[in-house]
Protein backbone atom coordinates (compact mmCIF):
# COMPACT_ATOMS: atom_id res chain seq x y z
CA UNK A 1 0.06 0.01 -0.20
CA UNK A 2 2.49 2.32 1.07
CA UNK A 3 4.86 1.67 -2.57
CA UNK A 4 1.10 2.58 -4.36
CA UNK A 5 0.80 5.75 -2.37
CA UNK A 6 4.12 6.75 -2.91
CA UNK A 7 3.49 6.22 -6.77
CA UNK A 8 0.52 8.10 -6.74
CA UNK A 9 2.16 11.22 -4.85
CA UNK A 10 4.95 11.30 -7.40
CA UNK A 11 2.40 11.32 -9.88
CA UNK A 12 0.68 13.92 -8.42
CA UNK A 13 3.98 15.67 -7.88
CA UNK A 14 5.39 15.16 -11.93
CA UNK A 15 1.58 16.72 -12.96
CA UNK A 16 1.87 19.75 -10.66
CA UNK A 17 5.10 20.17 -12.10
CA UNK A 18 4.04 19.95 -15.81
CA UNK A 19 1.43 22.01 -15.15
CA UNK A 20 3.27 24.86 -13.32
CA UNK A 21 5.45 24.99 -16.62
CA UNK A 22 2.78 24.85 -19.09
CA UNK A 23 1.30 27.64 -17.23
CA UNK A 24 4.82 29.54 -17.24
CA UNK A 25 4.71 29.18 -20.85
CA UNK A 26 1.49 30.57 -21.44
CA UNK A 27 2.29 33.41 -19.23
CA UNK A 28 1.55 36.69 -19.46
CA UNK A 29 -1.82 36.12 -21.57
CA UNK A 30 -3.13 39.39 -20.27
CA UNK A 31 -2.01 42.43 -18.26
CA UNK A 32 0.41 42.13 -15.26
CA UNK A 33 -0.35 44.98 -12.27
CA UNK A 34 2.31 45.73 -10.05
CA UNK A 35 1.19 47.30 -6.74
CA UNK A 36 3.72 49.90 -5.37
CA UNK A 37 2.81 49.92 -1.67
CA UNK A 38 4.03 53.76 -1.08
CA UNK A 39 2.71 57.00 -2.68
CA UNK A 40 3.30 57.92 -6.05
CA UNK A 41 6.68 60.22 -6.40
CA UNK A 42 8.68 57.93 -4.15
CA UNK A 43 11.75 56.19 -4.98
CA UNK A 44 10.12 52.93 -5.13
CA UNK A 45 7.42 54.62 -7.49
CA UNK A 46 9.89 56.22 -9.73
CA UNK A 47 11.71 52.19 -10.30
CA UNK A 48 8.72 50.57 -10.85
CA UNK A 49 7.15 52.68 -13.43
CA UNK A 50 10.50 52.67 -15.25
CA UNK A 51 10.76 48.97 -14.90
CA UNK A 52 6.89 48.42 -15.87
CA UNK A 53 7.51 50.52 -18.99
CA UNK A 54 10.47 47.86 -20.15
CA UNK A 55 8.89 44.85 -18.98
CA UNK A 56 6.28 45.46 -21.54
CA UNK A 57 8.54 44.83 -24.31
CA UNK A 58 9.75 41.70 -22.99
CA UNK A 59 6.60 40.35 -21.61
CA UNK A 60 4.41 41.13 -24.82
CA UNK A 61 1.71 42.53 -22.40
CA UNK A 62 0.62 45.90 -20.38
CA UNK A 63 2.14 46.07 -17.35
CA UNK A 64 -0.18 48.42 -15.40
CA UNK A 65 1.21 49.96 -11.89
CA UNK A 66 -1.36 51.12 -8.79
CA UNK A 67 -0.71 53.04 -5.86
CA UNK A 68 -2.10 51.27 -2.83
CA UNK A 69 -0.03 53.13 0.40
CA UNK A 70 -0.60 53.37 3.99
CA UNK A 71 0.45 51.57 7.17
CA UNK A 72 3.86 51.64 6.26
CA UNK A 73 3.16 49.71 3.45
CA UNK A 74 1.16 47.11 4.98
CA UNK A 75 -2.21 47.95 3.12
CA UNK A 76 -0.06 47.71 -0.27
CA UNK A 77 1.49 44.08 0.90
CA UNK A 78 -1.92 42.23 2.58
CA UNK A 79 -3.73 43.37 -0.95
CA UNK A 80 -1.25 41.39 -3.13
CA UNK A 81 -0.36 38.55 -0.26
CA UNK A 82 -4.25 37.87 -0.80
CA UNK A 83 -4.32 37.63 -4.49
CA UNK A 84 -3.95 34.67 -6.73
CA UNK A 85 -0.99 33.33 -7.33
CA UNK A 86 -0.46 33.19 -10.71
CA UNK A 87 1.63 36.39 -11.27
CA UNK A 88 -0.66 38.71 -12.52
CA UNK A 89 -0.38 40.79 -9.46
CA UNK A 90 2.73 41.48 -7.70
CA UNK A 91 4.55 44.05 -5.16
CA UNK A 92 6.85 46.48 -5.63
CA UNK A 93 8.19 47.73 -1.80
CA UNK A 94 10.49 49.30 -0.10
CA UNK A 95 12.01 47.14 2.90
CA UNK A 96 10.10 47.50 5.52
CA UNK A 97 6.63 45.42 4.41
CA UNK A 98 8.72 42.38 3.75
CA UNK A 99 11.15 42.86 6.38
CA UNK A 100 10.25 43.88 9.86
CA UNK A 101 6.76 45.07 9.89
CA UNK A 102 5.68 42.21 12.13
CA UNK A 103 7.82 43.33 15.02
CA UNK A 104 6.26 46.58 14.50
CA UNK A 105 2.53 45.73 13.87
CA UNK A 106 0.92 43.62 16.89
CA UNK A 107 -2.20 43.01 14.49
CA UNK A 108 -0.43 41.93 11.14
CA UNK A 109 -2.53 39.97 9.04
CA UNK A 110 -0.10 38.59 6.59
CA UNK A 111 3.35 36.80 7.35
CA UNK A 112 5.76 38.54 4.70
CA UNK A 113 8.09 36.00 4.62
CA UNK A 114 6.49 33.66 2.89
CA UNK A 115 5.94 36.35 -0.68
CA UNK A 116 7.81 35.11 -3.33
CA UNK A 117 10.91 37.36 -3.92
CA UNK A 118 11.13 38.08 -7.50
CA UNK A 119 14.43 40.41 -7.53
CA UNK A 120 15.73 42.98 -5.86
CA UNK A 121 15.47 46.18 -8.37
CA UNK A 122 17.67 48.74 -7.10
CA UNK A 123 19.86 49.67 -4.28
CA UNK A 124 19.81 53.18 -2.79
CA UNK A 125 22.59 54.99 -0.39
CA UNK A 126 20.85 56.91 1.81
CA UNK A 127 22.26 60.46 3.21
CA UNK A 128 21.63 62.80 6.35
CA UNK A 129 19.15 65.56 4.85
CA UNK A 130 18.35 68.55 6.91
CA UNK A 131 15.82 71.51 6.29
CA UNK A 132 17.15 74.36 4.77
CA UNK A 133 17.41 76.63 7.19
CA UNK A 134 18.82 74.28 10.10
CA UNK A 135 21.22 75.64 12.18
CA UNK A 136 24.20 73.28 11.75
CA UNK A 137 26.06 74.18 8.38
CA UNK A 138 28.33 70.77 8.19
CA UNK A 139 28.08 67.20 10.13
CA UNK A 140 30.56 68.25 12.76
CA UNK A 141 28.00 71.19 13.83
CA UNK A 142 25.40 68.61 13.44
CA UNK A 143 26.64 66.27 15.42
CA UNK A 144 27.41 68.91 18.24
CA UNK A 145 24.24 70.28 18.06
CA UNK A 146 21.81 67.30 18.49
CA UNK A 147 23.85 66.02 21.26
CA UNK A 148 23.50 69.51 22.98
CA UNK A 149 19.79 69.59 22.37
CA UNK A 150 18.05 65.79 22.92
CA UNK A 151 14.62 65.48 22.70
CA UNK A 152 14.47 69.12 20.60
CA UNK A 153 15.51 67.85 17.07
CA UNK A 154 12.77 65.77 15.01
CA UNK A 155 13.15 63.84 12.53
CA UNK A 156 10.89 62.82 9.21
CA UNK A 157 10.31 59.20 7.76
CA UNK A 158 8.48 57.24 5.06
CA UNK A 159 6.35 55.51 8.11
CA UNK A 160 7.36 53.38 11.56
CA UNK A 161 9.26 50.54 10.39
CA UNK A 162 11.04 52.40 7.07
CA UNK A 163 14.73 52.50 6.64
CA UNK A 164 14.41 56.26 7.57
CA UNK A 165 12.76 55.53 10.61
CA UNK A 166 15.15 52.73 11.71
CA UNK A 167 18.46 54.35 10.88
CA UNK A 168 17.39 57.65 12.56
CA UNK A 169 16.76 55.44 15.73
CA UNK A 170 20.03 53.46 15.41
CA UNK A 171 22.05 57.08 14.58
CA UNK A 172 20.51 58.23 18.28
CA UNK A 173 21.66 55.27 19.95
CA UNK A 174 25.41 55.34 18.67
CA UNK A 175 25.71 59.07 19.26
CA UNK A 176 23.95 58.81 22.80
CA UNK A 177 20.98 61.20 22.53
CA UNK A 178 17.35 61.79 21.52
CA UNK A 179 15.77 62.55 18.48
CA UNK A 180 11.75 62.88 18.15
CA UNK A 181 9.97 60.49 15.31
CA UNK A 182 7.46 62.16 12.73
CA UNK A 183 6.04 59.35 10.64
CA UNK A 184 4.47 60.35 7.49
CA UNK A 185 3.06 58.15 4.85
CA UNK A 186 5.71 58.13 2.03
CA UNK A 187 8.33 59.80 0.68
CA UNK A 188 6.69 62.80 -0.99
CA UNK A 189 4.77 64.06 2.22
CA UNK A 190 8.23 63.59 4.02
CA UNK A 191 10.04 65.92 2.28
CA UNK A 192 8.07 68.76 1.38
CA UNK A 193 7.68 69.29 5.33
CA UNK A 194 11.38 69.06 5.42
CA UNK A 195 11.73 71.74 2.91
CA UNK A 196 8.82 74.00 4.47
CA UNK A 197 11.28 73.80 7.81
CA UNK A 198 8.50 71.65 9.63
CA UNK A 199 10.86 68.53 10.57
CA UNK A 200 14.23 68.79 11.06
CA UNK A 201 15.92 65.78 9.10
CA UNK A 202 15.70 62.68 7.70
CA UNK A 203 17.72 59.97 6.58
CA UNK A 204 16.82 59.59 3.05
CA UNK A 205 17.87 58.02 -0.15
CA UNK A 206 19.96 60.27 -2.46
CA UNK A 207 18.01 59.65 -5.58
CA UNK A 208 15.50 61.89 -4.03
CA UNK A 209 17.48 63.91 -1.77
CA UNK A 210 19.69 64.92 -4.36
CA UNK A 211 17.24 66.91 -6.64
CA UNK A 212 16.30 69.12 -3.61
CA UNK A 213 19.84 69.79 -2.29
CA UNK A 214 20.45 70.92 -6.13
CA UNK A 215 17.79 72.99 -5.92
CA UNK A 216 19.05 74.80 -2.62
CA UNK A 217 15.37 73.57 -0.96
CA UNK A 218 17.55 71.07 1.50
CA UNK A 219 20.97 70.32 2.48
CA UNK A 220 22.92 67.19 2.45
CA UNK A 221 25.38 66.94 5.54
CA UNK A 222 26.90 63.24 5.25
CA UNK A 223 26.24 60.00 3.63
CA UNK A 224 25.37 57.00 5.55
CA UNK A 225 27.29 54.82 3.09
CA UNK A 226 30.66 53.24 3.92
CA UNK A 227 32.36 55.44 1.49
CA UNK A 228 31.93 58.26 -0.07
CA UNK A 229 29.90 58.37 -2.72
CA UNK A 230 31.30 59.21 -6.18
CA UNK A 231 28.60 61.95 -7.03
CA UNK A 232 29.38 64.01 -4.08
CA UNK A 233 33.17 63.34 -3.75
CA UNK A 234 33.20 66.23 -1.16
CA UNK A 235 30.56 65.17 1.55
CA UNK A 236 31.75 62.88 4.20
CA UNK A 237 30.55 59.91 5.61
CA UNK A 238 29.01 59.46 8.79
CA UNK A 239 31.50 57.34 9.87
CA UNK A 240 34.29 59.60 8.98
CA UNK A 241 32.53 62.20 11.44
CA UNK A 242 32.99 59.62 13.91
CA UNK A 243 29.45 57.89 14.12
CA UNK A 244 31.51 54.45 14.10
CA UNK A 245 29.43 51.48 12.71
CA UNK A 246 26.70 53.63 11.01
CA UNK A 247 25.59 52.78 7.57
CA UNK A 248 22.44 52.76 6.07
CA UNK A 249 21.20 52.10 2.39
CA UNK A 250 17.73 51.11 1.38
CA UNK A 251 16.61 49.15 -1.70
CA UNK A 252 13.07 48.28 -3.34
CA UNK A 253 12.30 44.59 -4.13
CA UNK A 254 9.62 42.88 -6.72
CA UNK A 255 7.90 39.86 -5.41
CA UNK A 256 4.62 37.80 -5.48
CA UNK A 257 1.84 36.29 -3.81
CA UNK A 258 2.95 33.12 -1.89
CA UNK A 259 2.69 29.81 -3.81
CA UNK A 260 3.06 31.89 -7.03
CA UNK A 261 4.68 28.91 -9.50
CA UNK A 262 8.40 28.89 -9.44
CA UNK A 263 8.28 28.93 -13.43
CA UNK A 264 6.75 31.83 -13.20
CA UNK A 265 8.90 33.69 -10.79
CA UNK A 266 11.98 32.25 -12.89
CA UNK A 267 10.21 33.64 -16.17
CA UNK A 268 9.58 37.29 -14.19
CA UNK A 269 13.06 37.31 -12.70
CA UNK A 270 14.48 36.90 -16.42
CA UNK A 271 12.47 39.60 -18.01
CA UNK A 272 13.45 42.10 -14.96
CA UNK A 273 17.05 41.52 -15.17
CA UNK A 274 17.37 41.56 -18.99
CA UNK A 275 15.81 45.18 -18.38
CA UNK A 276 18.10 46.30 -15.58
CA UNK A 277 21.06 44.89 -17.24
CA UNK A 278 20.44 47.08 -20.20
CA UNK A 279 22.95 49.96 -20.70
CA UNK A 280 19.54 52.16 -21.28
CA UNK A 281 19.12 50.96 -18.03
CA UNK A 282 22.34 51.54 -16.26
CA UNK A 283 22.66 55.42 -17.52
CA UNK A 284 19.22 56.02 -16.34
CA UNK A 285 19.27 54.95 -12.96
CA UNK A 286 23.08 56.58 -12.53
CA UNK A 287 21.26 59.99 -13.31
CA UNK A 288 18.92 59.71 -10.41
CA UNK A 289 21.62 58.18 -8.29
CA UNK A 290 20.30 54.40 -8.18
CA UNK A 291 22.21 51.51 -8.43
CA UNK A 292 20.73 48.70 -10.56
CA UNK A 293 20.80 45.29 -8.80
CA UNK A 294 21.25 41.79 -10.07
CA UNK A 295 20.21 38.89 -8.30
CA UNK A 296 18.22 35.51 -8.76
CA UNK A 297 14.90 34.81 -6.75
CA UNK A 298 16.89 32.64 -4.23
CA UNK A 299 20.01 35.39 -3.80
CA UNK A 300 16.78 38.06 -3.38
CA UNK A 301 15.29 35.91 -0.62
CA UNK A 302 18.66 35.38 1.25
CA UNK A 303 19.22 39.02 0.86
CA UNK A 304 15.56 40.03 2.27
CA UNK A 305 16.32 37.47 5.18
CA UNK A 306 19.76 39.03 5.83
CA UNK A 307 18.36 42.54 6.09
CA UNK A 308 14.91 41.22 8.48
CA UNK A 309 17.71 39.96 10.88
CA UNK A 310 19.69 43.18 10.79
CA UNK A 311 16.87 46.05 11.32
CA UNK A 312 14.99 43.34 13.75
CA UNK A 313 17.72 44.04 15.81
CA UNK A 314 17.76 47.74 15.44
CA UNK A 315 14.28 47.70 16.53
CA UNK A 316 14.84 45.32 19.58
CA UNK A 317 17.61 47.40 20.91
CA UNK A 318 16.05 50.64 20.26
CA UNK A 319 12.74 49.26 22.25
CA UNK A 320 10.97 50.24 19.35
CA UNK A 321 7.26 48.58 20.34
CA UNK A 322 4.59 47.14 18.31
CA UNK A 323 1.38 48.97 17.92
């Protein structure tokens, strides 16, 4: 009997694999929707719209981008998580909805570790951006000011649990001061209040920060990478300024609902990589300070797992409680 059951199980598995291969061969046969879990205008949205436009040429079907923002990305993430696992509804996200949000929200309706990663799309350096009239004119003056004024300097973030939030908490802990958190629902509203001097500072991806700095609407005092950025060789790193061990960057990923067949994931990954590897894409992203990433689905999963562990430890050390 066990032998017969084993044969039946093997036959069912073979049939399922054959069906998945057949689905992938036909995929896509209708428009693909990418849900961006932040408001329009932010870094994730910019990258996704460029990618979608070029994916249409690779997939032979329209690729529609929709914004479903809110709750630090949870609204869009939950929508995709509960969608059919057929490759027609995908998630484009910043780190938090697929890494640390379960540690920050007590009523999470999904387990983001079960998303099927397609690829890491781009990686972005973070910078320390301050309002145009902030009293400190360089990073050393800034460090002295925030240390001398604990609890008086506030910082914006794109939402609770976002990289900008956790980076600021890690930064405050490393320099031994207290900062006041002002969360927003995405990049655009946070930056709007910064340039209007309603908030003091933000750890922001270079791509979004540079255009405001170039226009004189905000100032970049330091970069949060291990080395200076080629685009701004005169701007020091925070580690150079004495904040030892501090390094922060952000990234965005493309994922699919749990149990999406691997052949479909692989087909999507191949199309994404072909777009990102093109000279046109590299030149386009370089102009806005982004670095196109190259990952297999397996590499994307390993990277997301490592980021979840890293920022999970920051959350615990900073004593950030779920709400």
